Amino acid sequence: MNIKIVKNKYINALFILMLFSAIVHMLIIFYFALVSGDLYIVNYFNILDLDLFYPNIFNSFTGNIFSIFFTAGLYLIILKNNKIE
């Protein structure tokens, strides 16, 4: 595997480990959401565990809509600011 995120090989290995773990985590969450039929599981704020600070504040239809817009907005900000060389 030859993925280079940063120049330092130790930090690069750490970032690859974090990315791999996040991908596996998301696959497990999506699978569980499909099997259980509970779409609140894929709410971005639940994935970030913000419900530990604000229990059930985002577990509503409005919270899910806000989660979708927040995630899409965050993606667009990252996309706009990511300069691929």
PDB file of N, CA and C in Angstrom:
ATOM      1  N   MET A   1       0.854  -1.169   0.000  1.00  0.00           N
ATOM      2  CA  MET A   1       0.000   0.000   0.000  1.00  0.00           C
ATOM      3  C   MET A   1       0.899   1.231   0.000  1.00  0.00           C
ATOM      4  N   ASN A   2       0.643   2.129  -0.925  1.00  0.00           N
ATOM      5  CA  ASN A   2       1.477   3.324  -1.028  1.00  0.00           C
ATOM      6  C   ASN A   2       0.594   4.564  -0.986  1.00  0.00           C
ATOM      7  N   ILE A   3       0.065   4.866   0.186  1.00  0.00           N
ATOM      8  CA  ILE A   3      -0.790   6.036   0.374  1.00  0.00           C
ATOM      9  C   ILE A   3       0.010   7.059   1.155  1.00  0.00           C
ATOM     10  N   LYS A   4       0.154   8.249   0.573  1.00  0.00           N
ATOM     11  CA  LYS A   4       0.934   9.288   1.239  1.00  0.00           C
ATOM     12  C   LYS A   4       0.008  10.458   1.550  1.00  0.00           C
ATOM     13  N   ILE A   5      -0.238  10.676   2.832  1.00  0.00           N
ATOM     14  CA  ILE A   5      -1.071  11.791   3.277  1.00  0.00           C
ATOM     15  C   ILE A   5      -0.178  12.938   3.739  1.00  0.00           C
ATOM     16  N   VAL A   6       0.833  12.591   4.512  1.00  0.00           N
ATOM     17  CA  VAL A   6       1.826  13.567   4.983  1.00  0.00           C
ATOM     18  C   VAL A   6       3.215  12.989   4.744  1.00  0.00           C
ATOM     19  N   LYS A   7       4.235  13.830   4.881  1.00  0.00           N
ATOM     20  CA  LYS A   7       5.601  13.383   4.595  1.00  0.00           C
ATOM     21  C   LYS A   7       6.196  12.498   5.689  1.00  0.00           C
ATOM     22  N   ASN A   8       5.852  12.742   6.939  1.00  0.00           N
ATOM     23  CA  ASN A   8       6.390  11.959   8.045  1.00  0.00           C
ATOM     24  C   ASN A   8       5.765  10.563   8.026  1.00  0.00           C
ATOM     25  N   LYS A   9       6.600   9.515   7.941  1.00  0.00           N
ATOM     26  CA  LYS A   9       6.065   8.161   7.784  1.00  0.00           C
ATOM     27  C   LYS A   9       5.305   7.664   9.014  1.00  0.00           C
ATOM     28  N   TYR A  10       5.670   8.144  10.209  1.00  0.00           N
ATOM     29  CA  TYR A  10       4.992   7.711  11.428  1.00  0.00           C
ATOM     30  C   TYR A  10       3.597   8.353  11.541  1.00  0.00           C
ATOM     31  N   ILE A  11       3.524   9.638  11.248  1.00  0.00           N
ATOM     32  CA  ILE A  11       2.227  10.313  11.249  1.00  0.00           C
ATOM     33  C   ILE A  11       1.371   9.805  10.100  1.00  0.00           C
ATOM     34  N   ASN A  12       1.979   9.535   8.956  1.00  0.00           N
ATOM     35  CA  ASN A  12       1.257   8.994   7.814  1.00  0.00           C
ATOM     36  C   ASN A  12       0.636   7.634   8.164  1.00  0.00           C
ATOM     37  N   ALA A  13       1.392   6.784   8.830  1.00  0.00           N
ATOM     38  CA  ALA A  13       0.866   5.473   9.240  1.00  0.00           C
ATOM     39  C   ALA A  13      -0.292   5.648  10.226  1.00  0.00           C
ATOM     40  N   LEU A  14      -0.180   6.615  11.135  1.00  0.00           N
ATOM     41  CA  LEU A  14      -1.252   6.895  12.087  1.00  0.00           C
ATOM     42  C   LEU A  14      -2.513   7.372  11.353  1.00  0.00           C
ATOM     43  N   PHE A  15      -2.356   8.277  10.385  1.00  0.00           N
ATOM     44  CA  PHE A  15      -3.504   8.765   9.614  1.00  0.00           C
ATOM     45  C   PHE A  15      -4.159   7.644   8.808  1.00  0.00           C
ATOM     46  N   ILE A  16      -3.367   6.762   8.242  1.00  0.00           N
ATOM     47  CA  ILE A  16      -3.926   5.627   7.488  1.00  0.00           C
ATOM     48  C   ILE A  16      -4.692   4.704   8.429  1.00  0.00           C
ATOM     49  N   LEU A  17      -4.150   4.451   9.623  1.00  0.00           N
ATOM     50  CA  LEU A  17      -4.849   3.648  10.620  1.00  0.00           C
ATOM     51  C   LEU A  17      -6.181   4.294  11.014  1.00  0.00           C
ATOM     52  N   MET A  18      -6.168   5.610  11.243  1.00  0.00           N
ATOM     53  CA  MET A  18      -7.395   6.319  11.600  1.00  0.00           C
ATOM     54  C   MET A  18      -8.409   6.272  10.460  1.00  0.00           C
ATOM     55  N   LEU A  19      -7.966   6.451   9.238  1.00  0.00           N
ATOM     56  CA  LEU A  19      -8.857   6.396   8.086  1.00  0.00           C
ATOM     57  C   LEU A  19      -9.447   5.004   7.915  1.00  0.00           C
ATOM     58  N   PHE A  20      -8.632   3.983   8.049  1.00  0.00           N
ATOM     59  CA  PHE A  20      -9.116   2.608   7.948  1.00  0.00           C
ATOM     60  C   PHE A  20     -10.143   2.314   9.040  1.00  0.00           C
ATOM     61  N   SER A  21      -9.839   2.739  10.268  1.00  0.00           N
ATOM     62  CA  SER A  21     -10.767   2.509  11.378  1.00  0.00           C
ATOM     63  C   SER A  21     -12.084   3.231  11.151  1.00  0.00           C
ATOM     64  N   ALA A  22     -12.026   4.454  10.643  1.00  0.00           N
ATOM     65  CA  ALA A  22     -13.245   5.217  10.364  1.00  0.00           C
ATOM     66  C   ALA A  22     -14.079   4.553   9.269  1.00  0.00           C
ATOM     67  N   ILE A  23     -13.431   4.030   8.247  1.00  0.00           N
ATOM     68  CA  ILE A  23     -14.148   3.355   7.162  1.00  0.00           C
ATOM     69  C   ILE A  23     -14.852   2.105   7.682  1.00  0.00           C
ATOM     70  N   VAL A  24     -14.146   1.304   8.469  1.00  0.00           N
ATOM     71  CA  VAL A  24     -14.752   0.093   9.037  1.00  0.00           C
ATOM     72  C   VAL A  24     -15.902   0.480   9.962  1.00  0.00           C
ATOM     73  N   HIS A  25     -15.713   1.503  10.770  1.00  0.00           N
ATOM     74  CA  HIS A  25     -16.751   1.981  11.681  1.00  0.00           C
ATOM     75  C   HIS A  25     -18.009   2.391  10.905  1.00  0.00           C
ATOM     76  N   MET A  26     -17.833   3.140   9.832  1.00  0.00           N
ATOM     77  CA  MET A  26     -18.975   3.590   9.035  1.00  0.00           C
ATOM     78  C   MET A  26     -19.675   2.415   8.353  1.00  0.00           C
ATOM     79  N   LEU A  27     -18.926   1.448   7.868  1.00  0.00           N
ATOM     80  CA  LEU A  27     -19.540   0.268   7.253  1.00  0.00           C
ATOM     81  C   LEU A  27     -20.389  -0.501   8.265  1.00  0.00           C
ATOM     82  N   ILE A  28     -19.866  -0.649   9.481  1.00  0.00           N
ATOM     83  CA  ILE A  28     -20.627  -1.334  10.529  1.00  0.00           C
ATOM     84  C   ILE A  28     -21.890  -0.557  10.865  1.00  0.00           C
ATOM     85  N   ILE A  29     -21.790   0.765  10.981  1.00  0.00           N
ATOM     86  CA  ILE A  29     -22.965   1.587  11.293  1.00  0.00           C
ATOM     87  C   ILE A  29     -24.008   1.492  10.185  1.00  0.00           C
ATOM     88  N   PHE A  30     -23.596   1.598   8.920  1.00  0.00           N
ATOM     89  CA  PHE A  30     -24.552   1.509   7.812  1.00  0.00           C
ATOM     90  C   PHE A  30     -25.208   0.137   7.756  1.00  0.00           C
ATOM     91  N   TYR A  31     -24.429  -0.902   7.983  1.00  0.00           N
ATOM     92  CA  TYR A  31     -24.996  -2.252   7.990  1.00  0.00           C
ATOM     93  C   TYR A  31     -26.029  -2.389   9.113  1.00  0.00           C
ATOM     94  N   PHE A  32     -25.678  -1.937  10.308  1.00  0.00           N
ATOM     95  CA  PHE A  32     -26.599  -2.043  11.438  1.00  0.00           C
ATOM     96  C   PHE A  32     -27.857  -1.212  11.207  1.00  0.00           C
ATOM     97  N   ALA A  33     -27.713  -0.041  10.587  1.00  0.00           N
ATOM     98  CA  ALA A  33     -28.877   0.798  10.280  1.00  0.00           C
ATOM     99  C   ALA A  33     -29.798   0.097   9.283  1.00  0.00           C
ATOM    100  N   LEU A  34     -29.230  -0.574   8.298  1.00  0.00           N
ATOM    101  CA  LEU A  34     -30.047  -1.302   7.322  1.00  0.00           C
ATOM    102  C   LEU A  34     -30.737  -2.499   7.960  1.00  0.00           C
ATOM    103  N   VAL A  35     -30.018  -3.242   8.781  1.00  0.00           N
ATOM    104  CA  VAL A  35     -30.579  -4.440   9.401  1.00  0.00           C
ATOM    105  C   VAL A  35     -31.658  -4.074  10.419  1.00  0.00           C
ATOM    106  N   SER A  36     -31.407  -3.044  11.215  1.00  0.00           N
ATOM    107  CA  SER A  36     -32.358  -2.680  12.266  1.00  0.00           C
ATOM    108  C   SER A  36     -33.477  -1.766  11.765  1.00  0.00           C
ATOM    109  N   GLY A  37     -33.242  -1.104  10.637  1.00  0.00           N
ATOM    110  CA  GLY A  37     -34.227  -0.162  10.121  1.00  0.00           C
ATOM    111  C   GLY A  37     -34.249   1.158  10.863  1.00  0.00           C
ATOM    112  N   ASP A  38     -33.292   1.397  11.732  1.00  0.00           N
ATOM    113  CA  ASP A  38     -33.219   2.617  12.524  1.00  0.00           C
ATOM    114  C   ASP A  38     -32.250   3.593  11.855  1.00  0.00           C
ATOM    115  N   LEU A  39     -32.785   4.555  11.120  1.00  0.00           N
ATOM    116  CA  LEU A  39     -31.930   5.487  10.396  1.00  0.00           C
ATOM    117  C   LEU A  39     -31.312   6.562  11.280  1.00  0.00           C
ATOM    118  N   TYR A  40     -31.786   6.675  12.526  1.00  0.00           N
ATOM    119  CA  TYR A  40     -31.182   7.634  13.444  1.00  0.00           C
ATOM    120  C   TYR A  40     -29.737   7.236  13.779  1.00  0.00           C
ATOM    121  N   ILE A  41     -29.393   6.000  13.539  1.00  0.00           N
ATOM    122  CA  ILE A  41     -28.029   5.531  13.811  1.00  0.00           C
ATOM    123  C   ILE A  41     -27.025   6.245  12.918  1.00  0.00           C
ATOM    124  N   VAL A  42     -27.412   6.581  11.684  1.00  0.00           N
ATOM    125  CA  VAL A  42     -26.478   7.214  10.753  1.00  0.00           C
ATOM    126  C   VAL A  42     -26.497   8.740  10.861  1.00  0.00           C
ATOM    127  N   ASN A  43     -27.176   9.276  11.864  1.00  0.00           N
ATOM    128  CA  ASN A  43     -27.144  10.707  12.123  1.00  0.00           C
ATOM    129  C   ASN A  43     -25.709  11.088  12.472  1.00  0.00           C
ATOM    130  N   TYR A  44     -25.163  12.075  11.769  1.00  0.00           N
ATOM    131  CA  TYR A  44     -23.756  12.440  11.929  1.00  0.00           C
ATOM    132  C   TYR A  44     -23.414  12.829  13.366  1.00  0.00           C
ATOM    133  N   PHE A  45     -24.339  13.487  14.044  1.00  0.00           N
ATOM    134  CA  PHE A  45     -24.090  13.902  15.421  1.00  0.00           C
ATOM    135  C   PHE A  45     -24.052  12.700  16.363  1.00  0.00           C
ATOM    136  N   ASN A  46     -24.814  11.660  16.060  1.00  0.00           N
ATOM    137  CA  ASN A  46     -24.737  10.427  16.840  1.00  0.00           C
ATOM    138  C   ASN A  46     -23.414   9.709  16.575  1.00  0.00           C
ATOM    139  N   ILE A  47     -22.958   9.745  15.322  1.00  0.00           N
ATOM    140  CA  ILE A  47     -21.683   9.118  14.984  1.00  0.00           C
ATOM    141  C   ILE A  47     -20.545   9.803  15.739  1.00  0.00           C
ATOM    142  N   LEU A  48     -20.638  11.121  15.886  1.00  0.00           N
ATOM    143  CA  LEU A  48     -19.613  11.864  16.631  1.00  0.00           C
ATOM    144  C   LEU A  48     -19.777  11.739  18.141  1.00  0.00           C
ATOM    145  N   ASP A  49     -20.842  11.062  18.579  1.00  0.00           N
ATOM    146  CA  ASP A  49     -21.163  10.880  19.999  1.00  0.00           C
ATOM    147  C   ASP A  49     -21.453  12.193  20.714  1.00  0.00           C
ATOM    148  N   LEU A  50     -22.006  13.162  20.001  1.00  0.00           N
ATOM    149  CA  LEU A  50     -22.423  14.401  20.647  1.00  0.00           C
ATOM    150  C   LEU A  50     -23.598  14.176  21.583  1.00  0.00           C
ATOM    151  N   ASP A  51     -24.275  13.034  21.409  1.00  0.00           N
ATOM    152  CA  ASP A  51     -25.387  12.712  22.311  1.00  0.00           C
ATOM    153  C   ASP A  51     -24.897  12.465  23.743  1.00  0.00           C
ATOM    154  N   LEU A  52     -23.601  12.274  23.924  1.00  0.00           N
ATOM    155  CA  LEU A  52     -23.056  12.162  25.278  1.00  0.00           C
ATOM    156  C   LEU A  52     -23.160  13.503  26.009  1.00  0.00           C
ATOM    157  N   PHE A  53     -23.039  14.604  25.252  1.00  0.00           N
ATOM    158  CA  PHE A  53     -23.143  15.933  25.834  1.00  0.00           C
ATOM    159  C   PHE A  53     -24.578  16.458  25.841  1.00  0.00           C
ATOM    160  N   TYR A  54     -25.306  16.139  24.772  1.00  0.00           N
ATOM    161  CA  TYR A  54     -26.685  16.606  24.613  1.00  0.00           C
ATOM    162  C   TYR A  54     -27.574  15.405  24.314  1.00  0.00           C
ATOM    163  N   PRO A  55     -27.996  14.657  25.317  1.00  0.00           N
ATOM    164  CA  PRO A  55     -28.796  13.447  25.076  1.00  0.00           C
ATOM    165  C   PRO A  55     -30.099  13.741  24.335  1.00  0.00           C
ATOM    166  N   ASN A  56     -30.328  12.994  23.284  1.00  0.00           N
ATOM    167  CA  ASN A  56     -31.563  13.013  22.482  1.00  0.00           C
ATOM    168  C   ASN A  56     -31.886  14.341  21.819  1.00  0.00           C
ATOM    169  N   ILE A  57     -30.964  15.293  21.809  1.00  0.00           N
ATOM    170  CA  ILE A  57     -31.276  16.569  21.165  1.00  0.00           C
ATOM    171  C   ILE A  57     -31.294  16.428  19.638  1.00  0.00           C
ATOM    172  N   PHE A  58     -30.513  15.523  19.093  1.00  0.00           N
ATOM    173  CA  PHE A  58     -30.444  15.359  17.648  1.00  0.00           C
ATOM    174  C   PHE A  58     -31.240  14.148  17.162  1.00  0.00           C
ATOM    175  N   ASN A  59     -31.875  13.408  18.054  1.00  0.00           N
ATOM    176  CA  ASN A  59     -32.631  12.209  17.672  1.00  0.00           C
ATOM    177  C   ASN A  59     -34.073  12.555  17.349  1.00  0.00           C
ATOM    178  N   SER A  60     -34.242  13.362  16.324  1.00  0.00           N
ATOM    179  CA  SER A  60     -35.564  13.735  15.855  1.00  0.00           C
ATOM    180  C   SER A  60     -35.492  13.911  14.349  1.00  0.00           C
ATOM    181  N   PHE A  61     -36.631  14.082  13.734  1.00  0.00           N
ATOM    182  CA  PHE A  61     -36.644  14.310  12.295  1.00  0.00           C
ATOM    183  C   PHE A  61     -35.881  15.589  11.956  1.00  0.00           C
ATOM    184  N   THR A  62     -36.115  16.638  12.731  1.00  0.00           N
ATOM    185  CA  THR A  62     -35.407  17.905  12.522  1.00  0.00           C
ATOM    186  C   THR A  62     -33.908  17.730  12.733  1.00  0.00           C
ATOM    187  N   GLY A  63     -33.527  16.967  13.737  1.00  0.00           N
ATOM    188  CA  GLY A  63     -32.112  16.693  13.985  1.00  0.00           C
ATOM    189  C   GLY A  63     -31.459  15.945  12.845  1.00  0.00           C
ATOM    190  N   ASN A  64     -32.189  15.005  12.256  1.00  0.00           N
ATOM    191  CA  ASN A  64     -31.646  14.267  11.106  1.00  0.00           C
ATOM    192  C   ASN A  64     -31.488  15.174   9.889  1.00  0.00           C
ATOM    193  N   ILE A  65     -32.464  16.046   9.652  1.00  0.00           N
ATOM    194  CA  ILE A  65     -32.359  16.984   8.530  1.00  0.00           C
ATOM    195  C   ILE A  65     -31.174  17.921   8.748  1.00  0.00           C
ATOM    196  N   PHE A  66     -31.041  18.448   9.956  1.00  0.00           N
ATOM    197  CA  PHE A  66     -29.900  19.306  10.276  1.00  0.00           C
ATOM    198  C   PHE A  66     -28.590  18.557  10.102  1.00  0.00           C
ATOM    199  N   SER A  67     -28.561  17.289  10.494  1.00  0.00           N
ATOM    200  CA  SER A  67     -27.368  16.457  10.342  1.00  0.00           C
ATOM    201  C   SER A  67     -26.982  16.315   8.870  1.00  0.00           C
ATOM    202  N   ILE A  68     -27.968  16.105   8.013  1.00  0.00           N
ATOM    203  CA  ILE A  68     -27.697  15.957   6.575  1.00  0.00           C
ATOM    204  C   ILE A  68     -27.109  17.246   6.011  1.00  0.00           C
ATOM    205  N   PHE A  69     -27.733  18.387   6.342  1.00  0.00           N
ATOM    206  CA  PHE A  69     -27.230  19.664   5.837  1.00  0.00           C
ATOM    207  C   PHE A  69     -25.857  20.007   6.408  1.00  0.00           C
ATOM    208  N   PHE A  70     -25.646  19.719   7.680  1.00  0.00           N
ATOM    209  CA  PHE A  70     -24.347  19.977   8.298  1.00  0.00           C
ATOM    210  C   PHE A  70     -23.261  19.134   7.640  1.00  0.00           C
ATOM    211  N   THR A  71     -23.546  17.861   7.426  1.00  0.00           N
ATOM    212  CA  THR A  71     -22.571  16.958   6.806  1.00  0.00           C
ATOM    213  C   THR A  71     -22.268  17.376   5.374  1.00  0.00           C
ATOM    214  N   ALA A  72     -23.314  17.721   4.613  1.00  0.00           N
ATOM    215  CA  ALA A  72     -23.109  18.169   3.232  1.00  0.00           C
ATOM    216  C   ALA A  72     -22.307  19.466   3.199  1.00  0.00           C
ATOM    217  N   GLY A  73     -22.615  20.387   4.109  1.00  0.00           N
ATOM    218  CA  GLY A  73     -21.871  21.637   4.175  1.00  0.00           C
ATOM    219  C   GLY A  73     -20.412  21.428   4.538  1.00  0.00           C
ATOM    220  N   LEU A  74     -20.174  20.568   5.500  1.00  0.00           N
ATOM    221  CA  LEU A  74     -18.804  20.244   5.900  1.00  0.00           C
ATOM    222  C   LEU A  74     -18.040  19.605   4.740  1.00  0.00           C
ATOM    223  N   TYR A  75     -18.692  18.715   4.020  1.00  0.00           N
ATOM    224  CA  TYR A  75     -18.068  18.076   2.851  1.00  0.00           C
ATOM    225  C   TYR A  75     -17.699  19.130   1.805  1.00  0.00           C
ATOM    226  N   LEU A  76     -18.610  20.064   1.530  1.00  0.00           N
ATOM    227  CA  LEU A  76     -18.335  21.095   0.525  1.00  0.00           C
ATOM    228  C   LEU A  76     -17.207  22.018   0.957  1.00  0.00           C
ATOM    229  N   ILE A  77     -17.134  22.337   2.248  1.00  0.00           N
ATOM    230  CA  ILE A  77     -16.027  23.152   2.751  1.00  0.00           C
ATOM    231  C   ILE A  77     -14.699  22.425   2.571  1.00  0.00           C
ATOM    232  N   ILE A  78     -14.666  21.146   2.922  1.00  0.00           N
ATOM    233  CA  ILE A  78     -13.439  20.348   2.765  1.00  0.00           C
ATOM    234  C   ILE A  78     -13.071  20.237   1.293  1.00  0.00           C
ATOM    235  N   LEU A  79     -14.063  19.996   0.441  1.00  0.00           N
ATOM    236  CA  LEU A  79     -13.823  19.880  -1.002  1.00  0.00           C
ATOM    237  C   LEU A  79     -13.259  21.164  -1.574  1.00  0.00           C
ATOM    238  N   LYS A  80     -13.814  22.300  -1.161  1.00  0.00           N
ATOM    239  CA  LYS A  80     -13.359  23.594  -1.678  1.00  0.00           C
ATOM    240  C   LYS A  80     -11.953  23.919  -1.204  1.00  0.00           C
ATOM    241  N   ASN A  81     -11.634  23.588   0.038  1.00  0.00           N
ATOM    242  CA  ASN A  81     -10.335  23.941   0.604  1.00  0.00           C
ATOM    243  C   ASN A  81      -9.248  22.903   0.370  1.00  0.00           C
ATOM    244  N   ASN A  82      -9.592  21.761  -0.207  1.00  0.00           N
ATOM    245  CA  ASN A  82      -8.607  20.714  -0.458  1.00  0.00           C
ATOM    246  C   ASN A  82      -7.917  20.960  -1.780  1.00  0.00           C
ATOM    247  N   LYS A  83      -6.663  21.264  -1.699  1.00  0.00           N
ATOM    248  CA  LYS A  83      -5.871  21.540  -2.906  1.00  0.00           C
ATOM    249  C   LYS A  83      -5.053  20.302  -3.268  1.00  0.00           C
ATOM    250  N   ILE A  84      -5.488  19.614  -4.309  1.00  0.00           N
ATOM    251  CA  ILE A  84      -4.761  18.420  -4.765  1.00  0.00           C
ATOM    252  C   ILE A  84      -3.715  18.861  -5.761  1.00  0.00           C
ATOM    253  N   GLU A  85      -2.513  18.436  -5.513  1.00  0.00           N
ATOM    254  CA  GLU A  85      -1.378  18.841  -6.363  1.00  0.00           C
ATOM    255  C   GLU A  85      -1.069  17.783  -7.385  1.00  0.00           C
TER     256      GLU A  85
END
